């Protein structure tokens, strides 16, 4: 059973420590994190990436909560799992955190499985789009799954 402590879409910088604190539980020995950061390159970019602009559908936060609640539910049906996940929207610079996920479970395998399921589902289901900004002034949009 997943307990979701944080499922947020935010225009503010994401706080990794707040996510770790949210999943802190002395009964749970495995804690995993994933931080998705803006990088300065992309295989589709002709010039260096200088930033991203994320925009989200008004339902994005409820979709994110649903993703967090169902993540790994089949694999860890009888296990206690605590999740904290946030996705940033707005203008982000290279190095900024776009996604932060923290998962605590009784064992490491469960924590890793749930964390991976969350990021994969975010990429394929979360209604958040990004506009990639390149150093030559060109831009490109990527949507769900991109």
N, C-alpha and C. Protein backbone atom coordinates (compact mmCIF):
# COMPACT_ATOMS: atom_id res chain seq x y z
N UNK A 1 0.84 -1.19 0.00
CA UNK A 1 0.00 0.00 0.00
C UNK A 1 0.88 1.25 0.00
N UNK A 2 0.64 2.14 -0.96
CA UNK A 2 1.40 3.38 -1.05
C UNK A 2 0.72 4.48 -0.24
N UNK A 3 1.50 5.17 0.56
CA UNK A 3 1.03 6.36 1.24
C UNK A 3 1.75 7.54 0.59
N UNK A 4 0.99 8.47 0.05
CA UNK A 4 1.57 9.61 -0.65
C UNK A 4 1.58 10.81 0.29
N UNK A 5 2.78 11.24 0.64
CA UNK A 5 2.95 12.38 1.55
C UNK A 5 3.00 13.70 0.78
N UNK A 6 3.62 13.67 -0.40
CA UNK A 6 3.69 14.86 -1.26
C UNK A 6 3.41 14.41 -2.69
N UNK A 7 2.55 15.14 -3.36
CA UNK A 7 2.33 15.00 -4.81
C UNK A 7 2.01 16.40 -5.28
N UNK A 8 3.03 17.12 -5.77
CA UNK A 8 2.86 18.54 -6.02
C UNK A 8 3.40 18.96 -7.38
N UNK A 9 2.71 19.89 -7.98
CA UNK A 9 3.17 20.63 -9.15
C UNK A 9 3.49 22.02 -8.61
N UNK A 10 4.72 22.49 -8.84
CA UNK A 10 5.15 23.73 -8.18
C UNK A 10 5.91 24.65 -9.12
N UNK A 11 5.68 25.94 -8.95
CA UNK A 11 6.46 26.94 -9.67
C UNK A 11 7.72 27.31 -8.91
N UNK A 12 7.88 26.78 -7.72
CA UNK A 12 9.03 27.11 -6.87
C UNK A 12 10.09 26.01 -6.94
N UNK A 13 11.35 26.36 -6.66
CA UNK A 13 12.40 25.32 -6.65
C UNK A 13 12.01 24.16 -5.74
N UNK A 14 12.35 22.95 -6.18
CA UNK A 14 12.00 21.75 -5.44
C UNK A 14 13.02 21.48 -4.35
N UNK A 15 12.53 21.09 -3.18
CA UNK A 15 13.35 20.88 -2.00
C UNK A 15 13.53 19.38 -1.76
N UNK A 16 14.71 18.87 -2.10
CA UNK A 16 15.00 17.45 -1.95
C UNK A 16 14.88 17.03 -0.49
N UNK A 17 15.40 17.85 0.41
CA UNK A 17 15.36 17.51 1.84
C UNK A 17 13.93 17.39 2.35
N UNK A 18 13.04 18.23 1.88
CA UNK A 18 11.63 18.14 2.30
C UNK A 18 11.01 16.82 1.85
N UNK A 19 11.40 16.34 0.68
CA UNK A 19 10.89 15.05 0.19
C UNK A 19 11.43 13.90 1.04
N UNK A 20 12.71 13.97 1.38
CA UNK A 20 13.30 12.93 2.23
C UNK A 20 12.66 12.93 3.62
N UNK A 21 12.42 14.10 4.16
CA UNK A 21 11.78 14.21 5.47
C UNK A 21 10.37 13.64 5.42
N UNK A 22 9.66 13.89 4.33
CA UNK A 22 8.28 13.41 4.20
C UNK A 22 8.19 11.89 4.22
N UNK A 23 9.20 11.20 3.71
CA UNK A 23 9.14 9.73 3.65
C UNK A 23 9.87 9.07 4.82
N UNK A 24 10.41 9.87 5.73
CA UNK A 24 11.16 9.31 6.85
C UNK A 24 10.23 8.50 7.75
N UNK A 25 10.59 7.25 7.96
CA UNK A 25 9.80 6.34 8.79
C UNK A 25 10.74 5.27 9.32
N UNK A 26 10.89 5.14 10.64
CA UNK A 26 11.85 4.20 11.21
C UNK A 26 11.54 2.73 10.89
N UNK A 27 10.33 2.45 10.42
CA UNK A 27 9.98 1.08 10.05
C UNK A 27 10.45 0.72 8.64
N UNK A 28 10.89 1.71 7.89
CA UNK A 28 11.23 1.50 6.49
C UNK A 28 12.73 1.66 6.28
N UNK A 29 13.38 0.61 5.79
CA UNK A 29 14.83 0.60 5.68
C UNK A 29 15.41 0.99 4.34
N UNK A 30 14.58 0.97 3.29
CA UNK A 30 15.08 1.33 1.97
C UNK A 30 14.51 2.66 1.54
N UNK A 31 15.39 3.61 1.22
CA UNK A 31 14.97 4.92 0.73
C UNK A 31 15.69 5.19 -0.57
N UNK A 32 14.92 5.46 -1.62
CA UNK A 32 15.52 5.82 -2.90
C UNK A 32 15.05 7.21 -3.29
N UNK A 33 15.86 7.86 -4.10
CA UNK A 33 15.50 9.17 -4.64
C UNK A 33 15.80 9.20 -6.12
N UNK A 34 15.07 10.04 -6.81
CA UNK A 34 15.37 10.36 -8.20
C UNK A 34 15.24 11.87 -8.33
N UNK A 35 16.24 12.47 -8.93
CA UNK A 35 16.20 13.90 -9.21
C UNK A 35 16.44 14.06 -10.71
N UNK A 36 15.44 14.58 -11.39
CA UNK A 36 15.58 14.88 -12.81
C UNK A 36 15.95 16.34 -12.96
N UNK A 37 17.14 16.59 -13.51
CA UNK A 37 17.64 17.96 -13.64
C UNK A 37 17.67 18.39 -15.11
N UNK A 38 17.60 19.68 -15.32
CA UNK A 38 17.74 20.24 -16.66
C UNK A 38 19.20 20.11 -17.07
N UNK A 39 19.41 19.48 -18.23
CA UNK A 39 20.79 19.32 -18.71
C UNK A 39 21.04 20.29 -19.87
N UNK A 40 22.29 20.48 -20.19
CA UNK A 40 22.67 21.46 -21.20
C UNK A 40 22.70 20.89 -22.62
N UNK A 41 22.14 19.71 -22.81
CA UNK A 41 22.16 19.11 -24.14
C UNK A 41 20.94 18.22 -24.32
N UNK A 42 20.67 17.93 -25.58
CA UNK A 42 19.57 17.03 -25.94
C UNK A 42 19.92 16.47 -27.31
N UNK A 43 19.66 15.18 -27.53
CA UNK A 43 19.98 14.60 -28.84
C UNK A 43 19.30 15.31 -30.00
N UNK A 44 18.14 15.92 -29.76
CA UNK A 44 17.42 16.60 -30.83
C UNK A 44 17.84 18.06 -31.01
N UNK A 45 18.65 18.59 -30.10
CA UNK A 45 19.04 20.00 -30.15
C UNK A 45 20.24 20.19 -31.08
N UNK A 46 20.19 21.28 -31.82
CA UNK A 46 21.30 21.62 -32.72
C UNK A 46 22.40 22.39 -31.99
N UNK A 47 22.03 23.11 -30.93
CA UNK A 47 22.98 23.89 -30.14
C UNK A 47 22.74 23.58 -28.67
N UNK A 48 23.62 24.04 -27.77
CA UNK A 48 23.43 23.75 -26.35
C UNK A 48 22.07 24.22 -25.82
N UNK A 49 21.53 23.43 -24.90
CA UNK A 49 20.27 23.78 -24.23
C UNK A 49 20.61 24.75 -23.11
N UNK A 50 19.85 25.86 -23.03
CA UNK A 50 20.11 26.86 -22.00
C UNK A 50 19.00 26.91 -20.95
N UNK A 51 17.90 26.20 -21.19
CA UNK A 51 16.83 26.17 -20.21
C UNK A 51 15.61 25.45 -20.74
N UNK A 52 14.66 25.25 -19.85
CA UNK A 52 13.39 24.64 -20.20
C UNK A 52 12.27 25.47 -19.58
N UNK A 53 11.14 25.48 -20.24
CA UNK A 53 9.93 26.08 -19.68
C UNK A 53 8.87 25.00 -19.64
N UNK A 54 8.42 24.66 -18.43
CA UNK A 54 7.39 23.64 -18.25
C UNK A 54 6.04 24.31 -18.03
N UNK A 55 5.02 23.73 -18.64
CA UNK A 55 3.64 24.15 -18.37
C UNK A 55 2.82 22.90 -18.11
N UNK A 56 1.81 23.04 -17.27
CA UNK A 56 1.02 21.88 -16.88
C UNK A 56 -0.47 22.13 -17.02
N UNK A 57 -1.18 21.08 -17.27
CA UNK A 57 -2.64 21.10 -17.31
C UNK A 57 -3.14 21.34 -15.88
N UNK A 58 -4.30 21.99 -15.71
CA UNK A 58 -4.83 22.20 -14.36
C UNK A 58 -5.02 20.91 -13.56
N UNK A 59 -5.20 19.78 -14.23
CA UNK A 59 -5.36 18.50 -13.53
C UNK A 59 -4.04 17.79 -13.25
N UNK A 60 -2.93 18.40 -13.58
CA UNK A 60 -1.63 17.73 -13.47
C UNK A 60 -1.34 17.23 -12.05
N UNK A 61 -1.68 18.02 -11.05
CA UNK A 61 -1.38 17.60 -9.68
C UNK A 61 -2.19 16.38 -9.27
N UNK A 62 -3.45 16.32 -9.66
CA UNK A 62 -4.25 15.14 -9.31
C UNK A 62 -3.77 13.91 -10.09
N UNK A 63 -3.32 14.11 -11.32
CA UNK A 63 -2.74 13.00 -12.09
C UNK A 63 -1.46 12.52 -11.43
N UNK A 64 -0.63 13.45 -10.96
CA UNK A 64 0.61 13.08 -10.28
C UNK A 64 0.31 12.27 -9.02
N UNK A 65 -0.68 12.68 -8.26
CA UNK A 65 -1.06 11.92 -7.05
C UNK A 65 -1.52 10.51 -7.43
N UNK A 66 -2.30 10.41 -8.47
CA UNK A 66 -2.76 9.09 -8.92
C UNK A 66 -1.59 8.21 -9.34
N UNK A 67 -0.63 8.78 -10.05
CA UNK A 67 0.57 8.04 -10.45
C UNK A 67 1.30 7.53 -9.21
N UNK A 68 1.47 8.40 -8.22
CA UNK A 68 2.18 8.02 -6.99
C UNK A 68 1.43 6.95 -6.22
N UNK A 69 0.11 7.03 -6.20
CA UNK A 69 -0.69 6.05 -5.45
C UNK A 69 -0.64 4.67 -6.09
N UNK A 70 -0.64 4.61 -7.39
CA UNK A 70 -0.69 3.31 -8.06
C UNK A 70 0.68 2.71 -8.36
N UNK A 71 1.73 3.48 -8.26
CA UNK A 71 3.07 3.01 -8.64
C UNK A 71 3.46 1.75 -7.89
N UNK A 72 3.76 0.75 -8.63
CA UNK A 72 4.23 -0.49 -8.04
C UNK A 72 3.21 -1.22 -7.21
N UNK A 73 1.94 -0.87 -7.32
CA UNK A 73 0.93 -1.48 -6.45
C UNK A 73 0.85 -3.00 -6.62
N UNK A 74 1.08 -3.49 -7.82
CA UNK A 74 1.07 -4.94 -8.01
C UNK A 74 2.28 -5.60 -7.37
N UNK A 75 3.43 -4.99 -7.54
CA UNK A 75 4.68 -5.59 -7.05
C UNK A 75 4.81 -5.53 -5.54
N UNK A 76 4.22 -4.51 -4.93
CA UNK A 76 4.38 -4.32 -3.49
C UNK A 76 3.02 -4.24 -2.78
N UNK A 77 2.09 -5.05 -3.21
CA UNK A 77 0.72 -4.97 -2.71
C UNK A 77 0.63 -5.06 -1.19
N UNK A 78 1.45 -5.90 -0.58
CA UNK A 78 1.36 -6.09 0.87
C UNK A 78 2.40 -5.29 1.66
N UNK A 79 3.21 -4.51 0.96
CA UNK A 79 4.29 -3.78 1.62
C UNK A 79 3.89 -2.33 1.89
N UNK A 80 4.47 -1.76 2.91
CA UNK A 80 4.27 -0.35 3.21
C UNK A 80 5.27 0.46 2.40
N UNK A 81 4.77 1.43 1.64
CA UNK A 81 5.61 2.29 0.82
C UNK A 81 5.13 3.73 1.02
N UNK A 82 6.08 4.63 1.23
CA UNK A 82 5.77 6.05 1.40
C UNK A 82 6.43 6.82 0.26
N UNK A 83 5.65 7.72 -0.36
CA UNK A 83 6.10 8.43 -1.55
C UNK A 83 5.98 9.94 -1.36
N UNK A 84 6.98 10.65 -1.87
CA UNK A 84 6.92 12.11 -2.01
C UNK A 84 7.44 12.43 -3.41
N UNK A 85 6.62 13.15 -4.20
CA UNK A 85 7.00 13.45 -5.57
C UNK A 85 6.51 14.84 -5.96
N UNK A 86 7.37 15.57 -6.67
CA UNK A 86 7.00 16.90 -7.16
C UNK A 86 7.56 17.09 -8.56
N UNK A 87 6.83 17.88 -9.34
CA UNK A 87 7.28 18.26 -10.68
C UNK A 87 7.21 19.78 -10.76
N UNK A 88 8.25 20.36 -11.27
CA UNK A 88 8.33 21.82 -11.38
C UNK A 88 7.70 22.29 -12.68
N UNK A 89 7.10 23.46 -12.66
CA UNK A 89 6.65 24.13 -13.87
C UNK A 89 7.24 25.54 -13.87
N UNK A 90 7.17 26.21 -15.01
CA UNK A 90 7.75 27.54 -15.14
C UNK A 90 9.11 27.45 -15.80
N UNK A 91 9.87 28.53 -15.70
CA UNK A 91 11.19 28.62 -16.33
C UNK A 91 12.25 28.00 -15.44
N UNK A 92 13.02 27.07 -16.00
CA UNK A 92 14.11 26.40 -15.28
C UNK A 92 15.41 26.58 -16.03
N UNK A 93 16.48 26.76 -15.29
CA UNK A 93 17.81 26.89 -15.86
C UNK A 93 18.52 25.54 -15.84
N UNK A 94 19.58 25.43 -16.61
CA UNK A 94 20.39 24.23 -16.59
C UNK A 94 20.83 23.97 -15.14
N UNK A 95 20.66 22.73 -14.69
CA UNK A 95 21.01 22.34 -13.33
C UNK A 95 19.85 22.34 -12.36
N UNK A 96 18.77 23.04 -12.68
CA UNK A 96 17.60 23.06 -11.80
C UNK A 96 16.92 21.69 -11.78
N UNK A 97 16.34 21.35 -10.65
CA UNK A 97 15.58 20.10 -10.52
C UNK A 97 14.19 20.30 -11.11
N UNK A 98 13.84 19.43 -12.06
CA UNK A 98 12.51 19.46 -12.66
C UNK A 98 11.58 18.47 -11.98
N UNK A 99 12.14 17.37 -11.48
CA UNK A 99 11.38 16.32 -10.82
C UNK A 99 12.17 15.84 -9.61
N UNK A 100 11.48 15.66 -8.48
CA UNK A 100 12.09 15.06 -7.30
C UNK A 100 11.14 13.96 -6.81
N UNK A 101 11.71 12.76 -6.62
CA UNK A 101 10.95 11.63 -6.10
C UNK A 101 11.73 11.04 -4.93
N UNK A 102 11.05 10.80 -3.83
CA UNK A 102 11.62 10.05 -2.71
C UNK A 102 10.64 8.94 -2.36
N UNK A 103 11.18 7.74 -2.18
CA UNK A 103 10.36 6.58 -1.85
C UNK A 103 11.02 5.83 -0.71
N UNK A 104 10.23 5.50 0.30
CA UNK A 104 10.70 4.67 1.40
C UNK A 104 9.87 3.39 1.43
N UNK A 105 10.56 2.27 1.64
CA UNK A 105 9.90 0.97 1.72
C UNK A 105 10.68 0.11 2.71
N UNK A 106 10.10 -1.03 3.05
CA UNK A 106 10.79 -1.92 3.98
C UNK A 106 12.13 -2.39 3.43
N UNK A 107 12.18 -2.62 2.12
CA UNK A 107 13.39 -3.15 1.49
C UNK A 107 13.75 -2.34 0.26
N UNK A 108 15.02 -2.38 -0.12
CA UNK A 108 15.51 -1.56 -1.22
C UNK A 108 14.85 -1.90 -2.55
N UNK A 109 14.61 -3.17 -2.82
CA UNK A 109 14.04 -3.55 -4.11
C UNK A 109 12.67 -2.89 -4.31
N UNK A 110 11.86 -2.87 -3.28
CA UNK A 110 10.54 -2.24 -3.37
C UNK A 110 10.69 -0.74 -3.60
N UNK A 111 11.60 -0.11 -2.88
CA UNK A 111 11.81 1.33 -3.04
C UNK A 111 12.26 1.67 -4.46
N UNK A 112 13.22 0.91 -4.98
CA UNK A 112 13.69 1.14 -6.35
C UNK A 112 12.57 0.91 -7.35
N UNK A 113 11.82 -0.17 -7.20
CA UNK A 113 10.74 -0.49 -8.14
C UNK A 113 9.69 0.61 -8.20
N UNK A 114 9.28 1.09 -7.04
CA UNK A 114 8.26 2.13 -7.00
C UNK A 114 8.80 3.44 -7.56
N UNK A 115 10.01 3.80 -7.21
CA UNK A 115 10.61 5.03 -7.72
C UNK A 115 10.68 5.00 -9.24
N UNK A 116 11.15 3.89 -9.80
CA UNK A 116 11.23 3.77 -11.26
C UNK A 116 9.85 3.81 -11.90
N UNK A 117 8.87 3.15 -11.31
CA UNK A 117 7.52 3.17 -11.86
C UNK A 117 6.97 4.59 -11.90
N UNK A 118 7.24 5.35 -10.87
CA UNK A 118 6.74 6.73 -10.82
C UNK A 118 7.34 7.56 -11.94
N UNK A 119 8.66 7.53 -12.11
CA UNK A 119 9.25 8.38 -13.15
C UNK A 119 8.83 7.93 -14.54
N UNK A 120 8.70 6.64 -14.75
CA UNK A 120 8.26 6.16 -16.07
C UNK A 120 6.83 6.60 -16.35
N UNK A 121 5.96 6.54 -15.35
CA UNK A 121 4.58 6.97 -15.54
C UNK A 121 4.46 8.48 -15.68
N UNK A 122 5.33 9.23 -14.99
CA UNK A 122 5.35 10.68 -15.19
C UNK A 122 5.65 10.99 -16.65
N UNK A 123 6.65 10.33 -17.18
CA UNK A 123 7.05 10.58 -18.58
C UNK A 123 5.95 10.23 -19.58
N UNK A 124 5.14 9.22 -19.27
CA UNK A 124 4.15 8.78 -20.24
C UNK A 124 2.72 9.27 -19.96
N UNK A 125 2.44 9.76 -18.74
CA UNK A 125 1.06 10.09 -18.39
C UNK A 125 0.82 11.50 -17.86
N UNK A 126 1.82 12.13 -17.28
CA UNK A 126 1.59 13.43 -16.63
C UNK A 126 1.38 14.52 -17.68
N UNK A 127 0.26 15.26 -17.59
CA UNK A 127 0.01 16.32 -18.57
C UNK A 127 0.82 17.58 -18.29
N UNK A 128 2.13 17.45 -18.52
CA UNK A 128 3.08 18.55 -18.40
C UNK A 128 3.88 18.57 -19.70
N UNK A 129 4.06 19.76 -20.24
CA UNK A 129 4.79 19.92 -21.49
C UNK A 129 5.99 20.81 -21.26
N UNK A 130 7.03 20.62 -22.08
CA UNK A 130 8.21 21.46 -21.92
C UNK A 130 8.59 22.09 -23.25
N UNK A 131 9.04 23.32 -23.14
CA UNK A 131 9.61 24.04 -24.28
C UNK A 131 11.10 24.13 -24.01
N UNK A 132 11.86 23.56 -24.90
CA UNK A 132 13.33 23.54 -24.76
C UNK A 132 13.91 24.76 -25.44
N UNK A 133 14.77 25.47 -24.72
CA UNK A 133 15.39 26.69 -25.23
C UNK A 133 16.85 26.41 -25.55
N UNK A 134 17.27 26.74 -26.78
CA UNK A 134 18.65 26.50 -27.19
C UNK A 134 19.42 27.82 -27.28
N UNK A 135 20.74 27.70 -27.25
CA UNK A 135 21.61 28.88 -27.22
C UNK A 135 21.49 29.74 -28.46
N UNK A 136 21.07 29.16 -29.59
CA UNK A 136 20.92 29.96 -30.81
C UNK A 136 19.56 30.65 -30.89
N UNK A 137 18.75 30.53 -29.83
CA UNK A 137 17.45 31.17 -29.79
C UNK A 137 16.31 30.28 -30.27
N UNK A 138 16.63 29.12 -30.81
CA UNK A 138 15.56 28.24 -31.27
C UNK A 138 14.91 27.52 -30.09
N UNK A 139 13.67 27.08 -30.30
CA UNK A 139 12.93 26.37 -29.26
C UNK A 139 12.23 25.17 -29.88
N UNK A 140 11.90 24.20 -29.03
CA UNK A 140 11.10 23.06 -29.47
C UNK A 140 10.25 22.60 -28.30
N UNK A 141 9.06 22.10 -28.64
CA UNK A 141 8.12 21.62 -27.64
C UNK A 141 8.17 20.11 -27.56
N UNK A 142 8.06 19.58 -26.35
CA UNK A 142 7.94 18.15 -26.13
C UNK A 142 6.79 17.93 -25.18
N UNK A 143 5.96 16.95 -25.50
CA UNK A 143 4.79 16.69 -24.68
C UNK A 143 4.90 15.40 -23.93
N UNK A 144 3.77 14.86 -23.56
CA UNK A 144 3.72 13.61 -22.82
C UNK A 144 4.48 12.55 -23.61
N UNK A 145 5.38 11.88 -22.92
CA UNK A 145 6.18 10.84 -23.56
C UNK A 145 7.42 11.36 -24.25
N UNK A 146 7.63 12.66 -24.27
CA UNK A 146 8.79 13.21 -24.99
C UNK A 146 9.84 13.77 -24.11
